[in-house]
Structures are given as C-alpha cells and as structure tokens.
Amino acid sequence: MSWKIERPPGSRVRRTDDGRVVLPLRLSRKGEHATDTELVLSLVDAEHLHAALCRALDGHPVPPSAPDCRTDGAPADALSAKLTAVNRRSREAL
C-alpha cells in the first residue's frame, strides 16, 4: 500500500474555540484522493511540532516566501512570540 499525506490546496491552519491548533490533511492512496481529515493539536504539541520543524529546517536557506517566523523580523503576534521563545530555548538545549 502506498499512502501519501499532504496539506490540501488552499487549506489553512487554524485555532479552535478552545485554543487548539487544527492542521488540515489530505490522504491519498496509490495516487487517488482517499479523504481529507484534520490533525488537532494542543498548543503545547503544536509548539513542539513547530520547534521540531524549525530544527529540521536549520542549515537550509530561507525561501523568499517563508513566513515571518523564519526571518529575523519581529513576531507578528503573541503566539508567534511565544513560539519563537520556545524554539530558541529548544535550539539552545541541543
């Protein structure tokens, strides 16, 4: 069996009313769309995923279309500021 998991075109990561983070996903099998689903994460799990992705991206050039969290600019909002601080602590712990 060959499964593929990717983000659906035009999908957006969003917050739920109770503060969790929802990541839309598309599952395909053998090249055919099987279903769309969502990965729902607590803020802590979302922060850990964000930090892990940042570590995986370390050492690679930042693409021109990268979001603000991968640039040296100021974070766009309080959640971004918190994620930036968590990521910095994670990198320092390595």
N, C-alpha and C. Protein backbone atom coordinates (compact mmCIF):
# COMPACT_ATOMS: atom_id res chain seq x y z
N MET A 1 0.83 -1.18 0.00
CA MET A 1 0.00 0.00 0.00
C MET A 1 0.87 1.25 0.00
N SER A 2 0.53 2.21 -0.81
CA SER A 2 1.29 3.45 -0.88
C SER A 2 0.38 4.62 -0.51
N TRP A 3 0.56 5.12 0.70
CA TRP A 3 -0.22 6.27 1.18
C TRP A 3 0.61 7.53 1.07
N LYS A 4 -0.06 8.63 0.82
CA LYS A 4 0.58 9.94 0.80
C LYS A 4 -0.26 10.87 1.68
N ILE A 5 0.42 11.65 2.52
CA ILE A 5 -0.25 12.63 3.38
C ILE A 5 0.32 14.00 3.04
N GLU A 6 -0.56 14.94 2.75
CA GLU A 6 -0.13 16.30 2.41
C GLU A 6 -1.20 17.29 2.85
N ARG A 7 -0.85 18.56 2.77
CA ARG A 7 -1.84 19.59 3.08
C ARG A 7 -2.72 19.81 1.87
N PRO A 8 -4.03 19.89 2.06
CA PRO A 8 -4.92 20.16 0.92
C PRO A 8 -4.67 21.55 0.36
N PRO A 9 -4.78 21.71 -0.96
CA PRO A 9 -4.58 23.04 -1.56
C PRO A 9 -5.52 24.07 -0.94
N GLY A 10 -4.97 25.23 -0.64
CA GLY A 10 -5.77 26.32 -0.09
C GLY A 10 -6.17 26.15 1.37
N SER A 11 -5.69 25.10 2.02
CA SER A 11 -6.06 24.88 3.42
C SER A 11 -5.27 25.81 4.34
N ARG A 12 -5.88 26.11 5.48
CA ARG A 12 -5.22 26.98 6.46
C ARG A 12 -5.19 26.29 7.81
N VAL A 13 -4.08 26.43 8.49
CA VAL A 13 -4.02 26.00 9.88
C VAL A 13 -4.84 27.01 10.67
N ARG A 14 -5.63 26.53 11.61
CA ARG A 14 -6.50 27.46 12.36
C ARG A 14 -6.55 27.07 13.83
N ARG A 15 -7.08 27.97 14.63
CA ARG A 15 -7.28 27.73 16.06
C ARG A 15 -8.74 27.39 16.30
N THR A 16 -8.99 26.48 17.23
CA THR A 16 -10.35 26.15 17.64
C THR A 16 -10.79 27.13 18.73
N ASP A 17 -12.07 27.10 19.06
CA ASP A 17 -12.59 27.97 20.12
C ASP A 17 -11.95 27.66 21.46
N ASP A 18 -11.52 26.40 21.66
CA ASP A 18 -10.88 26.05 22.93
C ASP A 18 -9.36 26.18 22.87
N GLY A 19 -8.83 26.83 21.81
CA GLY A 19 -7.42 27.16 21.75
C GLY A 19 -6.51 26.12 21.13
N ARG A 20 -7.06 25.03 20.63
CA ARG A 20 -6.21 24.03 19.99
C ARG A 20 -5.90 24.44 18.56
N VAL A 21 -4.91 23.80 17.96
CA VAL A 21 -4.48 24.10 16.60
C VAL A 21 -4.93 22.96 15.69
N VAL A 22 -5.53 23.30 14.55
CA VAL A 22 -6.03 22.30 13.61
C VAL A 22 -5.22 22.40 12.31
N LEU A 23 -4.62 21.27 11.93
CA LEU A 23 -3.85 21.18 10.69
C LEU A 23 -4.61 20.29 9.71
N PRO A 24 -5.18 20.88 8.64
CA PRO A 24 -5.89 20.06 7.65
C PRO A 24 -4.91 19.16 6.90
N LEU A 25 -5.33 17.92 6.62
CA LEU A 25 -4.51 16.96 5.91
C LEU A 25 -5.33 16.28 4.83
N ARG A 26 -4.66 15.87 3.76
CA ARG A 26 -5.28 15.09 2.69
C ARG A 26 -4.55 13.76 2.60
N LEU A 27 -5.32 12.68 2.62
CA LEU A 27 -4.77 11.34 2.48
C LEU A 27 -5.07 10.82 1.09
N SER A 28 -4.05 10.31 0.43
CA SER A 28 -4.21 9.71 -0.89
C SER A 28 -3.58 8.32 -0.87
N ARG A 29 -4.17 7.42 -1.64
CA ARG A 29 -3.64 6.07 -1.72
C ARG A 29 -3.47 5.71 -3.19
N LYS A 30 -2.26 5.29 -3.53
CA LYS A 30 -1.94 4.93 -4.91
C LYS A 30 -2.30 6.06 -5.87
N GLY A 31 -2.04 7.30 -5.44
CA GLY A 31 -2.27 8.46 -6.29
C GLY A 31 -3.70 8.96 -6.35
N GLU A 32 -4.62 8.29 -5.64
CA GLU A 32 -6.02 8.72 -5.66
C GLU A 32 -6.44 9.26 -4.30
N HIS A 33 -7.18 10.37 -4.33
CA HIS A 33 -7.65 11.01 -3.10
C HIS A 33 -8.51 10.04 -2.31
N ALA A 34 -8.15 9.81 -1.05
CA ALA A 34 -8.93 8.92 -0.19
C ALA A 34 -9.87 9.73 0.71
N THR A 35 -9.29 10.71 1.42
CA THR A 35 -10.12 11.53 2.31
C THR A 35 -9.33 12.75 2.78
N ASP A 36 -10.06 13.73 3.26
CA ASP A 36 -9.46 14.87 3.95
C ASP A 36 -9.77 14.69 5.43
N THR A 37 -8.84 15.06 6.27
CA THR A 37 -9.01 14.94 7.70
C THR A 37 -8.26 16.07 8.37
N GLU A 38 -8.21 16.07 9.68
CA GLU A 38 -7.51 17.14 10.42
C GLU A 38 -6.71 16.53 11.56
N LEU A 39 -5.55 17.09 11.79
CA LEU A 39 -4.74 16.76 12.95
C LEU A 39 -4.98 17.89 13.95
N VAL A 40 -5.54 17.55 15.11
CA VAL A 40 -5.86 18.55 16.14
C VAL A 40 -4.79 18.43 17.23
N LEU A 41 -4.13 19.55 17.52
CA LEU A 41 -3.02 19.58 18.47
C LEU A 41 -3.30 20.55 19.60
N SER A 42 -2.86 20.19 20.80
CA SER A 42 -2.87 21.17 21.89
C SER A 42 -1.82 22.22 21.56
N LEU A 43 -1.86 23.36 22.24
CA LEU A 43 -0.84 24.38 21.99
C LEU A 43 0.55 23.85 22.29
N VAL A 44 0.69 23.06 23.34
CA VAL A 44 2.00 22.50 23.69
C VAL A 44 2.48 21.59 22.57
N ASP A 45 1.60 20.69 22.08
CA ASP A 45 2.00 19.80 20.99
C ASP A 45 2.33 20.60 19.72
N ALA A 46 1.56 21.64 19.44
CA ALA A 46 1.83 22.49 18.28
C ALA A 46 3.18 23.18 18.42
N GLU A 47 3.51 23.64 19.63
CA GLU A 47 4.81 24.27 19.86
C GLU A 47 5.95 23.28 19.67
N HIS A 48 5.76 22.04 20.14
CA HIS A 48 6.79 21.02 19.96
C HIS A 48 6.97 20.68 18.48
N LEU A 49 5.86 20.59 17.74
CA LEU A 49 5.95 20.33 16.30
C LEU A 49 6.65 21.48 15.60
N HIS A 50 6.30 22.69 15.96
CA HIS A 50 6.93 23.87 15.37
C HIS A 50 8.44 23.87 15.63
N ALA A 51 8.83 23.58 16.86
CA ALA A 51 10.26 23.53 17.19
C ALA A 51 10.96 22.42 16.42
N ALA A 52 10.32 21.26 16.29
CA ALA A 52 10.93 20.15 15.55
C ALA A 52 11.09 20.51 14.07
N LEU A 53 10.09 21.18 13.50
CA LEU A 53 10.20 21.60 12.11
C LEU A 53 11.31 22.63 11.94
N CYS A 54 11.42 23.56 12.87
CA CYS A 54 12.49 24.56 12.80
C CYS A 54 13.86 23.89 12.86
N ARG A 55 14.01 22.90 13.76
CA ARG A 55 15.29 22.19 13.83
C ARG A 55 15.57 21.45 12.53
N ALA A 56 14.54 20.85 11.92
CA ALA A 56 14.73 20.13 10.66
C ALA A 56 15.11 21.09 9.53
N LEU A 57 14.66 22.34 9.61
CA LEU A 57 14.96 23.33 8.58
C LEU A 57 16.28 24.05 8.81
N ASP A 58 16.85 23.94 10.01
CA ASP A 58 18.13 24.61 10.30
C ASP A 58 19.18 24.22 9.27
N GLY A 59 19.96 25.20 8.86
CA GLY A 59 21.04 24.95 7.92
C GLY A 59 20.61 25.04 6.46
N HIS A 60 19.33 25.24 6.21
CA HIS A 60 18.84 25.39 4.84
C HIS A 60 18.50 26.85 4.60
N PRO A 61 18.71 27.34 3.38
CA PRO A 61 18.38 28.73 3.10
C PRO A 61 16.89 28.99 3.30
N VAL A 62 16.58 30.18 3.77
CA VAL A 62 15.17 30.57 3.96
C VAL A 62 14.59 30.97 2.61
N PRO A 63 13.52 30.30 2.16
CA PRO A 63 12.91 30.67 0.88
C PRO A 63 12.30 32.06 0.95
N PRO A 64 12.25 32.77 -0.16
CA PRO A 64 11.69 34.13 -0.16
C PRO A 64 10.24 34.18 0.34
N SER A 65 9.49 33.11 0.15
CA SER A 65 8.08 33.10 0.55
C SER A 65 7.87 32.58 1.98
N ALA A 66 8.96 32.41 2.74
CA ALA A 66 8.86 31.89 4.10
C ALA A 66 8.08 32.85 5.00
N PRO A 67 7.31 32.30 5.96
CA PRO A 67 6.57 33.17 6.88
C PRO A 67 7.51 33.89 7.83
N ASP A 68 7.00 34.91 8.51
CA ASP A 68 7.79 35.74 9.40
C ASP A 68 8.55 34.96 10.46
N CYS A 69 8.04 33.82 10.90
CA CYS A 69 8.69 33.09 11.98
C CYS A 69 10.06 32.57 11.58
N ARG A 70 10.40 32.56 10.30
CA ARG A 70 11.72 32.09 9.85
C ARG A 70 12.62 33.25 9.45
N THR A 71 12.23 34.46 9.77
CA THR A 71 13.07 35.62 9.46
C THR A 71 13.53 36.24 10.77
N ASP A 72 14.38 37.24 10.66
CA ASP A 72 14.86 37.93 11.86
C ASP A 72 13.94 39.05 12.31
N GLY A 73 12.79 39.21 11.63
CA GLY A 73 11.85 40.26 11.97
C GLY A 73 11.11 39.97 13.26
N ALA A 74 10.38 40.95 13.74
CA ALA A 74 9.61 40.78 14.97
C ALA A 74 8.42 39.85 14.73
N PRO A 75 8.06 39.05 15.71
CA PRO A 75 6.90 38.17 15.56
C PRO A 75 5.63 38.97 15.31
N ALA A 76 4.72 38.36 14.54
CA ALA A 76 3.50 39.06 14.14
C ALA A 76 2.49 39.17 15.27
N ASP A 77 2.49 38.23 16.22
CA ASP A 77 1.51 38.26 17.29
C ASP A 77 2.04 37.57 18.54
N ALA A 78 1.24 37.54 19.58
CA ALA A 78 1.69 36.96 20.85
C ALA A 78 2.02 35.48 20.74
N LEU A 79 1.22 34.71 19.98
CA LEU A 79 1.50 33.28 19.82
C LEU A 79 2.83 33.08 19.09
N SER A 80 3.07 33.88 18.05
CA SER A 80 4.34 33.78 17.34
C SER A 80 5.51 34.12 18.26
N ALA A 81 5.32 35.12 19.13
CA ALA A 81 6.38 35.49 20.07
C ALA A 81 6.67 34.33 21.02
N LYS A 82 5.60 33.67 21.50
CA LYS A 82 5.77 32.54 22.40
C LYS A 82 6.47 31.38 21.69
N LEU A 83 6.06 31.09 20.46
CA LEU A 83 6.69 30.02 19.68
C LEU A 83 8.15 30.33 19.41
N THR A 84 8.45 31.58 19.11
CA THR A 84 9.83 31.97 18.86
C THR A 84 10.69 31.72 20.11
N ALA A 85 10.17 32.08 21.28
CA ALA A 85 10.91 31.86 22.53
C ALA A 85 11.10 30.37 22.80
N VAL A 86 10.06 29.57 22.59
CA VAL A 86 10.17 28.12 22.78
C VAL A 86 11.20 27.54 21.83
N ASN A 87 11.16 27.95 20.58
CA ASN A 87 12.13 27.44 19.59
C ASN A 87 13.56 27.82 19.97
N ARG A 88 13.74 29.05 20.43
CA ARG A 88 15.08 29.48 20.83
C ARG A 88 15.60 28.62 21.98
N ARG A 89 14.74 28.37 22.97
CA ARG A 89 15.16 27.52 24.11
C ARG A 89 15.46 26.10 23.65
N SER A 90 14.66 25.59 22.70
CA SER A 90 14.88 24.23 22.17
C SER A 90 16.22 24.14 21.47
N ARG A 91 16.53 25.16 20.65
CA ARG A 91 17.82 25.15 19.94
C ARG A 91 18.99 25.27 20.91
N GLU A 92 18.83 26.08 21.94
CA GLU A 92 19.91 26.24 22.92
C GLU A 92 20.14 24.96 23.70
N ALA A 93 19.08 24.16 23.88
CA ALA A 93 19.20 22.91 24.65
C ALA A 93 19.94 21.83 23.86
N LEU A 94 20.02 22.00 22.54
CA LEU A 94 20.68 20.97 21.71
C LEU A 94 22.16 20.94 21.89
